[in-house]
Structure formats: C-alpha cells, structure tokens
Amino acid sequence: MIAPKVLVVEDDSFLAFEMQDILGGAGYEVVGPVATVAKALALIDAREPHAAFLDCNLDGEYATAVALTLTAKNIPFVVVTGYECESLPDAFSNGVFFRKPFKAAHLLEMAQALLGHGRA
C-alpha cells in the first residue's frame, strides 16, 4: 500500500520536525516540512499531497494562498494554530482547526480523520 502524502507547513522548526517525526513514524510520507508560502505552493504542485497540516501564520505572513490552493485542489487540511478560528481570514474556513500545543495522539487522529482511514 502506498503511504498517503501529508504536507507539513510550519514556521516553528521544532514543531515542524516533531510533526514530521510523528507522522513519518506512523507510516505517512511527509512532504516538507516547509516554513514559507512560496515553498508550500511549490510542494503542492510538485508532490500533490493527499492532506496538509497548515500553520496559518508563517513568520508574520498569513498562509491564505496555501489554504486557497488546497481548497481549489480538494486537498483536505488542518489549520494548526494558537489563534481563535473566528479571527482568521475566510480562506481557512475549509480547514479543520487544531489548537497548539497538541499531543502526538491527537495529531495522528487528525491525520486519520483527514484521510478517512487509519495508518500504522
């Protein structure tokens, strides 16, 4: 069985690599992690992920273009944020909100829910 590809877009390097380790350890193919809008958009085009975990604020820049691209390509995504969902631009409304900080088990539950099945 081919491992589902999961894009990780996160500007906190510690958190990004933690997500990479958790998802990769559970059998997902991790695309990234990347910390900028431009790199995320390039990976979406090049690697066509099945799902994504998206930090909405990348070093002061909203990842609105990434959320809109994921939505246009029908790629489900989780908005990983410390913000209240009501305060975010509408582009993020198609994502599932996931609060920072999180536990590894919750991250894997979100991945399974996005992809419609379990792994590992």
PDB file of N, CA and C in Angstrom:
ATOM      1  N   MET A   1       0.837  -1.186   0.000  1.00  0.00           N
ATOM      2  CA  MET A   1       0.000   0.000   0.000  1.00  0.00           C
ATOM      3  C   MET A   1       0.881   1.247   0.000  1.00  0.00           C
ATOM      4  N   ILE A   2       0.535   2.210  -0.810  1.00  0.00           N
ATOM      5  CA  ILE A   2       1.284   3.446  -0.896  1.00  0.00           C
ATOM      6  C   ILE A   2       0.903   4.347   0.284  1.00  0.00           C
ATOM      7  N   ALA A   3       1.933   4.883   0.926  1.00  0.00           N
ATOM      8  CA  ALA A   3       1.690   5.761   2.070  1.00  0.00           C
ATOM      9  C   ALA A   3       1.091   7.077   1.599  1.00  0.00           C
ATOM     10  N   PRO A   4       0.040   7.554   2.278  1.00  0.00           N
ATOM     11  CA  PRO A   4      -0.511   8.869   1.938  1.00  0.00           C
ATOM     12  C   PRO A   4       0.522   9.966   2.186  1.00  0.00           C
ATOM     13  N   LYS A   5       0.551  10.941   1.285  1.00  0.00           N
ATOM     14  CA  LYS A   5       1.471  12.070   1.407  1.00  0.00           C
ATOM     15  C   LYS A   5       0.794  13.184   2.200  1.00  0.00           C
ATOM     16  N   VAL A   6       1.484  13.638   3.246  1.00  0.00           N
ATOM     17  CA  VAL A   6       0.958  14.689   4.104  1.00  0.00           C
ATOM     18  C   VAL A   6       1.944  15.850   4.111  1.00  0.00           C
ATOM     19  N   LEU A   7       1.479  17.003   3.655  1.00  0.00           N
ATOM     20  CA  LEU A   7       2.284  18.219   3.638  1.00  0.00           C
ATOM     21  C   LEU A   7       2.270  18.857   5.025  1.00  0.00           C
ATOM     22  N   VAL A   8       3.454  19.265   5.492  1.00  0.00           N
ATOM     23  CA  VAL A   8       3.572  19.977   6.761  1.00  0.00           C
ATOM     24  C   VAL A   8       4.120  21.370   6.460  1.00  0.00           C
ATOM     25  N   VAL A   9       3.318  22.392   6.806  1.00  0.00           N
ATOM     26  CA  VAL A   9       3.692  23.792   6.613  1.00  0.00           C
ATOM     27  C   VAL A   9       3.693  24.440   7.999  1.00  0.00           C
ATOM     28  N   GLU A  10       4.888  24.706   8.513  1.00  0.00           N
ATOM     29  CA  GLU A  10       5.032  25.207   9.887  1.00  0.00           C
ATOM     30  C   GLU A  10       6.331  25.991   9.988  1.00  0.00           C
ATOM     31  N   ASP A  11       6.275  27.213  10.548  1.00  0.00           N
ATOM     32  CA  ASP A  11       7.483  28.029  10.650  1.00  0.00           C
ATOM     33  C   ASP A  11       8.281  27.809  11.929  1.00  0.00           C
ATOM     34  N   ASP A  12       7.735  27.136  12.911  1.00  0.00           N
ATOM     35  CA  ASP A  12       8.470  26.789  14.125  1.00  0.00           C
ATOM     36  C   ASP A  12       9.207  25.476  13.840  1.00  0.00           C
ATOM     37  N   SER A  13      10.523  25.541  13.690  1.00  0.00           N
ATOM     38  CA  SER A  13      11.274  24.355  13.250  1.00  0.00           C
ATOM     39  C   SER A  13      11.148  23.196  14.224  1.00  0.00           C
ATOM     40  N   PHE A  14      11.130  23.463  15.522  1.00  0.00           N
ATOM     41  CA  PHE A  14      10.972  22.377  16.486  1.00  0.00           C
ATOM     42  C   PHE A  14       9.643  21.661  16.275  1.00  0.00           C
ATOM     43  N   LEU A  15       8.582  22.435  16.158  1.00  0.00           N
ATOM     44  CA  LEU A  15       7.247  21.865  15.970  1.00  0.00           C
ATOM     45  C   LEU A  15       7.142  21.158  14.615  1.00  0.00           C
ATOM     46  N   ALA A  16       7.725  21.741  13.589  1.00  0.00           N
ATOM     47  CA  ALA A  16       7.684  21.132  12.254  1.00  0.00           C
ATOM     48  C   ALA A  16       8.349  19.759  12.255  1.00  0.00           C
ATOM     49  N   PHE A  17       9.520  19.658  12.875  1.00  0.00           N
ATOM     50  CA  PHE A  17      10.215  18.378  12.888  1.00  0.00           C
ATOM     51  C   PHE A  17       9.543  17.381  13.824  1.00  0.00           C
ATOM     52  N   GLU A  18       8.892  17.873  14.876  1.00  0.00           N
ATOM     53  CA  GLU A  18       8.109  16.989  15.734  1.00  0.00           C
ATOM     54  C   GLU A  18       6.940  16.391  14.936  1.00  0.00           C
ATOM     55  N   MET A  19       6.259  17.226  14.167  1.00  0.00           N
ATOM     56  CA  MET A  19       5.156  16.736  13.341  1.00  0.00           C
ATOM     57  C   MET A  19       5.675  15.738  12.306  1.00  0.00           C
ATOM     58  N   GLN A  20       6.807  16.041  11.705  1.00  0.00           N
ATOM     59  CA  GLN A  20       7.410  15.148  10.723  1.00  0.00           C
ATOM     60  C   GLN A  20       7.718  13.785  11.349  1.00  0.00           C
ATOM     61  N   ASP A  21       8.299  13.787  12.541  1.00  0.00           N
ATOM     62  CA  ASP A  21       8.629  12.534  13.225  1.00  0.00           C
ATOM     63  C   ASP A  21       7.379  11.728  13.572  1.00  0.00           C
ATOM     64  N   ILE A  22       6.364  12.404  14.090  1.00  0.00           N
ATOM     65  CA  ILE A  22       5.131  11.719  14.493  1.00  0.00           C
ATOM     66  C   ILE A  22       4.438  11.110  13.274  1.00  0.00           C
ATOM     67  N   LEU A  23       4.249  11.910  12.237  1.00  0.00           N
ATOM     68  CA  LEU A  23       3.544  11.422  11.044  1.00  0.00           C
ATOM     69  C   LEU A  23       4.363  10.373  10.302  1.00  0.00           C
ATOM     70  N   GLY A  24       5.656  10.624  10.153  1.00  0.00           N
ATOM     71  CA  GLY A  24       6.515   9.656   9.477  1.00  0.00           C
ATOM     72  C   GLY A  24       6.582   8.337  10.229  1.00  0.00           C
ATOM     73  N   GLY A  25       6.645   8.420  11.552  1.00  0.00           N
ATOM     74  CA  GLY A  25       6.676   7.217  12.377  1.00  0.00           C
ATOM     75  C   GLY A  25       5.400   6.404  12.298  1.00  0.00           C
ATOM     76  N   ALA A  26       4.308   7.046  11.925  1.00  0.00           N
ATOM     77  CA  ALA A  26       3.015   6.360  11.803  1.00  0.00           C
ATOM     78  C   ALA A  26       2.781   5.834  10.383  1.00  0.00           C
ATOM     79  N   GLY A  27       3.761   6.025   9.502  1.00  0.00           N
ATOM     80  CA  GLY A  27       3.644   5.456   8.165  1.00  0.00           C
ATOM     81  C   GLY A  27       3.219   6.404   7.068  1.00  0.00           C
ATOM     82  N   TYR A  28       3.082   7.684   7.388  1.00  0.00           N
ATOM     83  CA  TYR A  28       2.745   8.657   6.359  1.00  0.00           C
ATOM     84  C   TYR A  28       4.013   9.115   5.654  1.00  0.00           C
ATOM     85  N   GLU A  29       3.903   9.483   4.392  1.00  0.00           N
ATOM     86  CA  GLU A  29       5.008  10.104   3.677  1.00  0.00           C
ATOM     87  C   GLU A  29       4.884  11.608   3.910  1.00  0.00           C
ATOM     88  N   VAL A  30       5.825  12.175   4.645  1.00  0.00           N
ATOM     89  CA  VAL A  30       5.765  13.591   4.977  1.00  0.00           C
ATOM     90  C   VAL A  30       6.390  14.403   3.850  1.00  0.00           C
ATOM     91  N   VAL A  31       5.634  15.352   3.359  1.00  0.00           N
ATOM     92  CA  VAL A  31       6.087  16.286   2.334  1.00  0.00           C
ATOM     93  C   VAL A  31       6.467  17.558   3.078  1.00  0.00           C
ATOM     94  N   GLY A  32       7.722  17.961   2.978  1.00  0.00           N
ATOM     95  CA  GLY A  32       8.229  19.080   3.755  1.00  0.00           C
ATOM     96  C   GLY A  32       8.990  18.545   4.947  1.00  0.00           C
ATOM     97  N   PRO A  33       8.963  19.254   6.034  1.00  0.00           N
ATOM     98  CA  PRO A  33       8.213  20.466   6.294  1.00  0.00           C
ATOM     99  C   PRO A  33       8.818  21.692   5.610  1.00  0.00           C
ATOM    100  N   VAL A  34       7.947  22.674   5.383  1.00  0.00           N
ATOM    101  CA  VAL A  34       8.362  23.954   4.826  1.00  0.00           C
ATOM    102  C   VAL A  34       7.810  25.069   5.707  1.00  0.00           C
ATOM    103  N   ALA A  35       8.457  26.248   5.606  1.00  0.00           N
ATOM    104  CA  ALA A  35       8.101  27.341   6.500  1.00  0.00           C
ATOM    105  C   ALA A  35       7.662  28.606   5.782  1.00  0.00           C
ATOM    106  N   THR A  36       7.478  28.524   4.451  1.00  0.00           N
ATOM    107  CA  THR A  36       7.052  29.717   3.718  1.00  0.00           C
ATOM    108  C   THR A  36       5.908  29.385   2.772  1.00  0.00           C
ATOM    109  N   VAL A  37       5.161  30.416   2.420  1.00  0.00           N
ATOM    110  CA  VAL A  37       4.058  30.248   1.481  1.00  0.00           C
ATOM    111  C   VAL A  37       4.578  29.770   0.133  1.00  0.00           C
ATOM    112  N   ALA A  38       5.639  30.385  -0.363  1.00  0.00           N
ATOM    113  CA  ALA A  38       6.176  30.024  -1.678  1.00  0.00           C
ATOM    114  C   ALA A  38       6.602  28.560  -1.736  1.00  0.00           C
ATOM    115  N   LYS A  39       7.290  28.088  -0.706  1.00  0.00           N
ATOM    116  CA  LYS A  39       7.733  26.691  -0.695  1.00  0.00           C
ATOM    117  C   LYS A  39       6.546  25.739  -0.580  1.00  0.00           C
ATOM    118  N   ALA A  40       5.543  26.119   0.195  1.00  0.00           N
ATOM    119  CA  ALA A  40       4.352  25.279   0.328  1.00  0.00           C
ATOM    120  C   ALA A  40       3.635  25.153  -1.012  1.00  0.00           C
ATOM    121  N   LEU A  41       3.462  26.277  -1.706  1.00  0.00           N
ATOM    122  CA  LEU A  41       2.784  26.249  -3.010  1.00  0.00           C
ATOM    123  C   LEU A  41       3.567  25.406  -4.012  1.00  0.00           C
ATOM    124  N   ALA A  42       4.885  25.508  -3.991  1.00  0.00           N
ATOM    125  CA  ALA A  42       5.718  24.710  -4.898  1.00  0.00           C
ATOM    126  C   ALA A  42       5.563  23.220  -4.611  1.00  0.00           C
ATOM    127  N   LEU A  43       5.522  22.846  -3.344  1.00  0.00           N
ATOM    128  CA  LEU A  43       5.372  21.426  -2.995  1.00  0.00           C
ATOM    129  C   LEU A  43       3.987  20.894  -3.330  1.00  0.00           C
ATOM    130  N   ILE A  44       2.975  21.717  -3.184  1.00  0.00           N
ATOM    131  CA  ILE A  44       1.626  21.279  -3.552  1.00  0.00           C
ATOM    132  C   ILE A  44       1.594  20.924  -5.035  1.00  0.00           C
ATOM    133  N   ASP A  45       2.200  21.752  -5.861  1.00  0.00           N
ATOM    134  CA  ASP A  45       2.243  21.480  -7.304  1.00  0.00           C
ATOM    135  C   ASP A  45       3.130  20.294  -7.640  1.00  0.00           C
ATOM    136  N   ALA A  46       4.276  20.202  -7.001  1.00  0.00           N
ATOM    137  CA  ALA A  46       5.255  19.169  -7.349  1.00  0.00           C
ATOM    138  C   ALA A  46       4.916  17.799  -6.776  1.00  0.00           C
ATOM    139  N   ARG A  47       4.386  17.752  -5.558  1.00  0.00           N
ATOM    140  CA  ARG A  47       4.223  16.471  -4.861  1.00  0.00           C
ATOM    141  C   ARG A  47       2.777  16.021  -4.695  1.00  0.00           C
ATOM    142  N   GLU A  48       1.821  16.907  -4.951  1.00  0.00           N
ATOM    143  CA  GLU A  48       0.393  16.585  -4.848  1.00  0.00           C
ATOM    144  C   GLU A  48       0.051  15.794  -3.576  1.00  0.00           C
ATOM    145  N   PRO A  49       0.146  16.443  -2.424  1.00  0.00           N
ATOM    146  CA  PRO A  49      -0.158  15.739  -1.174  1.00  0.00           C
ATOM    147  C   PRO A  49      -1.627  15.337  -1.096  1.00  0.00           C
ATOM    148  N   HIS A  50      -1.883  14.338  -0.271  1.00  0.00           N
ATOM    149  CA  HIS A  50      -3.250  13.873  -0.039  1.00  0.00           C
ATOM    150  C   HIS A  50      -3.941  14.695   1.052  1.00  0.00           C
ATOM    151  N   ALA A  51      -3.133  15.324   1.917  1.00  0.00           N
ATOM    152  CA  ALA A  51      -3.655  16.131   3.024  1.00  0.00           C
ATOM    153  C   ALA A  51      -2.542  17.068   3.477  1.00  0.00           C
ATOM    154  N   ALA A  52      -2.901  18.043   4.304  1.00  0.00           N
ATOM    155  CA  ALA A  52      -1.901  19.000   4.780  1.00  0.00           C
ATOM    156  C   ALA A  52      -2.203  19.459   6.195  1.00  0.00           C
ATOM    157  N   PHE A  53      -1.125  19.774   6.913  1.00  0.00           N
ATOM    158  CA  PHE A  53      -1.188  20.454   8.191  1.00  0.00           C
ATOM    159  C   PHE A  53      -0.585  21.822   7.948  1.00  0.00           C
ATOM    160  N   LEU A  54      -1.363  22.871   8.179  1.00  0.00           N
ATOM    161  CA  LEU A  54      -1.003  24.215   7.776  1.00  0.00           C
ATOM    162  C   LEU A  54      -1.039  25.184   8.952  1.00  0.00           C
ATOM    163  N   ASP A  55       0.116  25.742   9.291  1.00  0.00           N
ATOM    164  CA  ASP A  55       0.161  26.852  10.243  1.00  0.00           C
ATOM    165  C   ASP A  55      -0.352  28.065   9.491  1.00  0.00           C
ATOM    166  N   CYS A  56      -1.284  28.789  10.059  1.00  0.00           N
ATOM    167  CA  CYS A  56      -1.898  29.907   9.332  1.00  0.00           C
ATOM    168  C   CYS A  56      -1.008  31.143   9.275  1.00  0.00           C
ATOM    169  N   ASN A  57      -0.096  31.286  10.226  1.00  0.00           N
ATOM    170  CA  ASN A  57       0.769  32.457  10.272  1.00  0.00           C
ATOM    171  C   ASN A  57       2.213  31.989  10.167  1.00  0.00           C
ATOM    172  N   LEU A  58       2.832  32.281   9.028  1.00  0.00           N
ATOM    173  CA  LEU A  58       4.205  31.856   8.773  1.00  0.00           C
ATOM    174  C   LEU A  58       5.127  33.058   8.897  1.00  0.00           C
ATOM    175  N   ASP A  59       5.683  33.222  10.078  1.00  0.00           N
ATOM    176  CA  ASP A  59       6.604  34.317  10.359  1.00  0.00           C
ATOM    177  C   ASP A  59       6.016  35.669   9.965  1.00  0.00           C
ATOM    178  N   GLY A  60       4.749  35.874  10.340  1.00  0.00           N
ATOM    179  CA  GLY A  60       4.087  37.150  10.085  1.00  0.00           C
ATOM    180  C   GLY A  60       3.291  37.219   8.793  1.00  0.00           C
ATOM    181  N   GLU A  61       3.364  36.208   7.961  1.00  0.00           N
ATOM    182  CA  GLU A  61       2.611  36.185   6.703  1.00  0.00           C
ATOM    183  C   GLU A  61       1.502  35.137   6.792  1.00  0.00           C
ATOM    184  N   TYR A  62       0.266  35.565   6.590  1.00  0.00           N
ATOM    185  CA  TYR A  62      -0.820  34.585   6.568  1.00  0.00           C
ATOM    186  C   TYR A  62      -0.647  33.655   5.378  1.00  0.00           C
ATOM    187  N   ALA A  63      -0.928  32.390   5.594  1.00  0.00           N
ATOM    188  CA  ALA A  63      -0.803  31.370   4.549  1.00  0.00           C
ATOM    189  C   ALA A  63      -2.108  31.243   3.767  1.00  0.00           C
ATOM    190  N   THR A  64      -2.751  32.354   3.503  1.00  0.00           N
ATOM    191  CA  THR A  64      -4.030  32.387   2.801  1.00  0.00           C
ATOM    192  C   THR A  64      -3.931  31.732   1.427  1.00  0.00           C
ATOM    193  N   ALA A  65      -2.885  32.032   0.672  1.00  0.00           N
ATOM    194  CA  ALA A  65      -2.728  31.458  -0.671  1.00  0.00           C
ATOM    195  C   ALA A  65      -2.610  29.943  -0.613  1.00  0.00           C
ATOM    196  N   VAL A  66      -1.983  29.437   0.434  1.00  0.00           N
ATOM    197  CA  VAL A  66      -1.856  27.990   0.587  1.00  0.00           C
ATOM    198  C   VAL A  66      -3.226  27.376   0.866  1.00  0.00           C
ATOM    199  N   ALA A  67      -3.974  27.979   1.775  1.00  0.00           N
ATOM    200  CA  ALA A  67      -5.315  27.476   2.096  1.00  0.00           C
ATOM    201  C   ALA A  67      -6.217  27.503   0.867  1.00  0.00           C
ATOM    202  N   LEU A  68      -6.151  28.568   0.092  1.00  0.00           N
ATOM    203  CA  LEU A  68      -6.981  28.667  -1.118  1.00  0.00           C
ATOM    204  C   LEU A  68      -6.576  27.619  -2.158  1.00  0.00           C
ATOM    205  N   THR A  69      -5.284  27.371  -2.297  1.00  0.00           N
ATOM    206  CA  THR A  69      -4.804  26.365  -3.256  1.00  0.00           C
ATOM    207  C   THR A  69      -5.221  24.966  -2.825  1.00  0.00           C
ATOM    208  N   LEU A  70      -5.080  24.668  -1.551  1.00  0.00           N
ATOM    209  CA  LEU A  70      -5.512  23.359  -1.048  1.00  0.00           C
ATOM    210  C   LEU A  70      -7.005  23.162  -1.293  1.00  0.00           C
ATOM    211  N   THR A  71      -7.785  24.186  -1.022  1.00  0.00           N
ATOM    212  CA  THR A  71      -9.236  24.118  -1.235  1.00  0.00           C
ATOM    213  C   THR A  71      -9.552  23.898  -2.715  1.00  0.00           C
ATOM    214  N   ALA A  72      -8.895  24.652  -3.591  1.00  0.00           N
ATOM    215  CA  ALA A  72      -9.149  24.534  -5.034  1.00  0.00           C
ATOM    216  C   ALA A  72      -8.798  23.153  -5.563  1.00  0.00           C
ATOM    217  N   LYS A  73      -7.794  22.517  -4.954  1.00  0.00           N
ATOM    218  CA  LYS A  73      -7.366  21.193  -5.403  1.00  0.00           C
ATOM    219  C   LYS A  73      -8.060  20.070  -4.625  1.00  0.00           C
ATOM    220  N   ASN A  74      -9.010  20.434  -3.776  1.00  0.00           N
ATOM    221  CA  ASN A  74      -9.745  19.459  -2.952  1.00  0.00           C
ATOM    222  C   ASN A  74      -8.827  18.624  -2.077  1.00  0.00           C
ATOM    223  N   ILE A  75      -7.803  19.261  -1.528  1.00  0.00           N
ATOM    224  CA  ILE A  75      -6.889  18.598  -0.605  1.00  0.00           C
ATOM    225  C   ILE A  75      -7.318  18.993   0.809  1.00  0.00           C
ATOM    226  N   PRO A  76      -7.732  18.033   1.620  1.00  0.00           N
ATOM    227  CA  PRO A  76      -8.165  18.380   2.976  1.00  0.00           C
ATOM    228  C   PRO A  76      -6.985  18.874   3.805  1.00  0.00           C
ATOM    229  N   PHE A  77      -7.274  19.824   4.702  1.00  0.00           N
ATOM    230  CA  PHE A  77      -6.193  20.347   5.522  1.00  0.00           C
ATOM    231  C   PHE A  77      -6.649  20.693   6.924  1.00  0.00           C
ATOM    232  N   VAL A  78      -5.651  20.664   7.806  1.00  0.00           N
ATOM    233  CA  VAL A  78      -5.836  21.054   9.190  1.00  0.00           C
ATOM    234  C   VAL A  78      -5.109  22.370   9.387  1.00  0.00           C
ATOM    235  N   VAL A  79      -5.769  23.331  10.004  1.00  0.00           N
ATOM    236  CA  VAL A  79      -5.149  24.599  10.347  1.00  0.00           C
ATOM    237  C   VAL A  79      -4.608  24.451  11.766  1.00  0.00           C
ATOM    238  N   VAL A  80      -3.286  24.384  11.872  1.00  0.00           N
ATOM    239  CA  VAL A  80      -2.629  24.232  13.165  1.00  0.00           C
ATOM    240  C   VAL A  80      -2.320  25.637  13.671  1.00  0.00           C
ATOM    241  N   THR A  81      -2.974  26.025  14.757  1.00  0.00           N
ATOM    242  CA  THR A  81      -2.885  27.426  15.180  1.00  0.00           C
ATOM    243  C   THR A  81      -3.037  27.602  16.681  1.00  0.00           C
ATOM    244  N   GLY A  82      -2.525  28.692  17.139  1.00  0.00           N
ATOM    245  CA  GLY A  82      -2.768  29.128  18.510  1.00  0.00           C
ATOM    246  C   GLY A  82      -3.820  30.216  18.559  1.00  0.00           C
ATOM    247  N   TYR A  83      -4.286  30.644  17.365  1.00  0.00           N
ATOM    248  CA  TYR A  83      -5.294  31.691  17.266  1.00  0.00           C
ATOM    249  C   TYR A  83      -6.697  31.118  17.412  1.00  0.00           C
ATOM    250  N   GLU A  84      -7.638  31.991  17.708  1.00  0.00           N
ATOM    251  CA  GLU A  84      -9.046  31.611  17.686  1.00  0.00           C
ATOM    252  C   GLU A  84      -9.477  31.533  16.229  1.00  0.00           C
ATOM    253  N   CYS A  85     -10.222  30.518  15.852  1.00  0.00           N
ATOM    254  CA  CYS A  85     -10.584  30.331  14.449  1.00  0.00           C
ATOM    255  C   CYS A  85     -11.409  31.493  13.911  1.00  0.00           C
ATOM    256  N   GLU A  86     -12.181  32.166  14.775  1.00  0.00           N
ATOM    257  CA  GLU A  86     -13.011  33.278  14.321  1.00  0.00           C
ATOM    258  C   GLU A  86     -12.181  34.476  13.870  1.00  0.00           C
ATOM    259  N   SER A  87     -10.924  34.546  14.309  1.00  0.00           N
ATOM    260  CA  SER A  87     -10.080  35.694  13.990  1.00  0.00           C
ATOM    261  C   SER A  87      -9.290  35.514  12.697  1.00  0.00           C
ATOM    262  N   LEU A  88      -9.410  34.356  12.053  1.00  0.00           N
ATOM    263  CA  LEU A  88      -8.632  34.071  10.848  1.00  0.00           C
ATOM    264  C   LEU A  88      -9.379  34.461   9.578  1.00  0.00           C
ATOM    265  N   PRO A  89      -8.643  34.732   8.508  1.00  0.00           N
ATOM    266  CA  PRO A  89      -9.289  35.027   7.220  1.00  0.00           C
ATOM    267  C   PRO A  89     -10.183  33.868   6.759  1.00  0.00           C
ATOM    268  N   ASP A  90     -11.195  34.176   5.971  1.00  0.00           N
ATOM    269  CA  ASP A  90     -12.156  33.179   5.498  1.00  0.00           C
ATOM    270  C   ASP A  90     -11.514  32.028   4.726  1.00  0.00           C
ATOM    271  N   ALA A  91     -10.365  32.259   4.118  1.00  0.00           N
ATOM    272  CA  ALA A  91      -9.694  31.213   3.337  1.00  0.00           C
ATOM    273  C   ALA A  91      -9.419  29.964   4.169  1.00  0.00           C
ATOM    274  N   PHE A  92      -9.308  30.120   5.464  1.00  0.00           N
ATOM    275  CA  PHE A  92      -9.001  28.986   6.332  1.00  0.00           C
ATOM    276  C   PHE A  92     -10.249  28.220   6.767  1.00  0.00           C
ATOM    277  N   SER A  93     -11.425  28.711   6.412  1.00  0.00           N
ATOM    278  CA  SER A  93     -12.667  28.107   6.895  1.00  0.00           C
ATOM    279  C   SER A  93     -12.915  26.701   6.353  1.00  0.00           C
ATOM    280  N   ASN A  94     -12.252  26.314   5.268  1.00  0.00           N
ATOM    281  CA  ASN A  94     -12.410  24.950   4.751  1.00  0.00           C
ATOM    282  C   ASN A  94     -11.532  23.942   5.476  1.00  0.00           C
ATOM    283  N   GLY A  95     -10.670  24.423   6.341  1.00  0.00           N
ATOM    284  CA  GLY A  95      -9.812  23.532   7.108  1.00  0.00           C
ATOM    285  C   GLY A  95     -10.448  23.153   8.430  1.00  0.00           C
ATOM    286  N   VAL A  96      -9.892  22.124   9.029  1.00  0.00           N
ATOM    287  CA  VAL A  96     -10.283  21.689  10.366  1.00  0.00           C
ATOM    288  C   VAL A  96      -9.312  22.363  11.320  1.00  0.00           C
ATOM    289  N   PHE A  97      -9.803  23.002  12.369  1.00  0.00           N
ATOM    290  CA  PHE A  97      -8.927  23.728  13.278  1.00  0.00           C
ATOM    291  C   PHE A  97      -8.373  22.808  14.355  1.00  0.00           C
ATOM    292  N   PHE A  98      -7.086  22.985  14.611  1.00  0.00           N
ATOM    293  CA  PHE A  98      -6.350  22.146  15.546  1.00  0.00           C
ATOM    294  C   PHE A  98      -5.454  23.066  16.374  1.00  0.00           C
ATOM    295  N   ARG A  99      -5.684  23.104  17.670  1.00  0.00           N
ATOM    296  CA  ARG A  99      -5.002  24.059  18.547  1.00  0.00           C
ATOM    297  C   ARG A  99      -3.605  23.588  18.947  1.00  0.00           C
ATOM    298  N   LYS A 100      -2.681  24.559  18.947  1.00  0.00           N
ATOM    299  CA  LYS A 100      -1.361  24.356  19.530  1.00  0.00           C
ATOM    300  C   LYS A 100      -1.471  24.690  21.009  1.00  0.00           C
ATOM    301  N   PRO A 101      -0.749  24.064  21.859  1.00  0.00           N
ATOM    302  CA  PRO A 101       0.062  22.865  21.639  1.00  0.00           C
ATOM    303  C   PRO A 101      -0.830  21.634  21.520  1.00  0.00           C
ATOM    304  N   PHE A 102      -0.254  20.544  21.031  1.00  0.00           N
ATOM    305  CA  PHE A 102      -1.031  19.325  20.832  1.00  0.00           C
ATOM    306  C   PHE A 102      -0.225  18.116  21.291  1.00  0.00           C
ATOM    307  N   LYS A 103      -0.922  17.008  21.410  1.00  0.00           N
ATOM    308  CA  LYS A 103      -0.284  15.738  21.759  1.00  0.00           C
ATOM    309  C   LYS A 103      -0.171  14.892  20.497  1.00  0.00           C
ATOM    310  N   ALA A 104       0.818  14.026  20.465  1.00  0.00           N
ATOM    311  CA  ALA A 104       1.061  13.185  19.294  1.00  0.00           C
ATOM    312  C   ALA A 104      -0.179  12.384  18.910  1.00  0.00           C
ATOM    313  N   ALA A 105      -0.878  11.835  19.882  1.00  0.00           N
ATOM    314  CA  ALA A 105      -2.068  11.030  19.589  1.00  0.00           C
ATOM    315  C   ALA A 105      -3.129  11.856  18.875  1.00  0.00           C
ATOM    316  N   HIS A 106      -3.273  13.116  19.271  1.00  0.00           N
ATOM    317  CA  HIS A 106      -4.272  13.978  18.635  1.00  0.00           C
ATOM    318  C   HIS A 106      -3.869  14.324  17.203  1.00  0.00           C
ATOM    319  N   LEU A 107      -2.575  14.516  16.966  1.00  0.00           N
ATOM    320  CA  LEU A 107      -2.091  14.790  15.617  1.00  0.00           C
ATOM    321  C   LEU A 107      -2.412  13.606  14.702  1.00  0.00           C
ATOM    322  N   LEU A 108      -2.171  12.405  15.181  1.00  0.00           N
ATOM    323  CA  LEU A 108      -2.453  11.210  14.378  1.00  0.00           C
ATOM    324  C   LEU A 108      -3.950  11.021  14.163  1.00  0.00           C
ATOM    325  N   GLU A 109      -4.760  11.341  15.160  1.00  0.00           N
ATOM    326  CA  GLU A 109      -6.211  11.271  14.985  1.00  0.00           C
ATOM    327  C   GLU A 109      -6.666  12.219  13.886  1.00  0.00           C
ATOM    328  N   MET A 110      -6.080  13.409  13.853  1.00  0.00           N
ATOM    329  CA  MET A 110      -6.444  14.380  12.821  1.00  0.00           C
ATOM    330  C   MET A 110      -6.026  13.876  11.439  1.00  0.00           C
ATOM    331  N   ALA A 111      -4.850  13.286  11.336  1.00  0.00           N
ATOM    332  CA  ALA A 111      -4.390  12.745  10.053  1.00  0.00           C
ATOM    333  C   ALA A 111      -5.334  11.645   9.589  1.00  0.00           C
ATOM    334  N   GLN A 112      -5.709  10.768  10.480  1.00  0.00           N
ATOM    335  CA  GLN A 112      -6.625   9.678  10.128  1.00  0.00           C
ATOM    336  C   GLN A 112      -7.973  10.216   9.703  1.00  0.00           C
ATOM    337  N   ALA A 113      -8.464  11.238  10.395  1.00  0.00           N
ATOM    338  CA  ALA A 113      -9.755  11.829  10.031  1.00  0.00           C
ATOM    339  C   ALA A 113      -9.685  12.501   8.658  1.00  0.00           C
ATOM    340  N   LEU A 114      -8.596  13.181   8.365  1.00  0.00           N
ATOM    341  CA  LEU A 114      -8.444  13.836   7.065  1.00  0.00           C
ATOM    342  C   LEU A 114      -8.447  12.846   5.922  1.00  0.00           C
ATOM    343  N   LEU A 115      -7.763  11.738   6.144  1.00  0.00           N
ATOM    344  CA  LEU A 115      -7.566  10.774   5.073  1.00  0.00           C
ATOM    345  C   LEU A 115      -8.620   9.674   5.061  1.00  0.00           C
ATOM    346  N   GLY A 116      -9.482   9.667   6.075  1.00  0.00           N
ATOM    347  CA  GLY A 116     -10.601   8.741   6.068  1.00  0.00           C
ATOM    348  C   GLY A 116     -10.273   7.314   6.463  1.00  0.00           C
ATOM    349  N   HIS A 117      -9.095   7.109   7.022  1.00  0.00           N
ATOM    350  CA  HIS A 117      -8.740   5.752   7.460  1.00  0.00           C
ATOM    351  C   HIS A 117      -7.560   5.825   8.393  1.00  0.00           C
ATOM    352  N   GLY A 118      -7.278   4.723   9.056  1.00  0.00           N
ATOM    353  CA  GLY A 118      -6.149   4.643   9.970  1.00  0.00           C
ATOM    354  C   GLY A 118      -4.860   4.249   9.275  1.00  0.00           C
ATOM    355  N   ARG A 119      -3.786   4.451   9.936  1.00  0.00           N
ATOM    356  CA  ARG A 119      -2.444   4.038   9.492  1.00  0.00           C
ATOM    357  C   ARG A 119      -1.820   3.269  10.637  1.00  0.00           C
ATOM    358  N   ALA A 120      -0.626   2.844  10.440  1.00  0.00           N
ATOM    359  CA  ALA A 120       0.242   2.212  11.432  1.00  0.00           C
ATOM    360  C   ALA A 120      -0.338   1.016  12.138  1.00  0.00           C
TER     361      ALA A 120
END
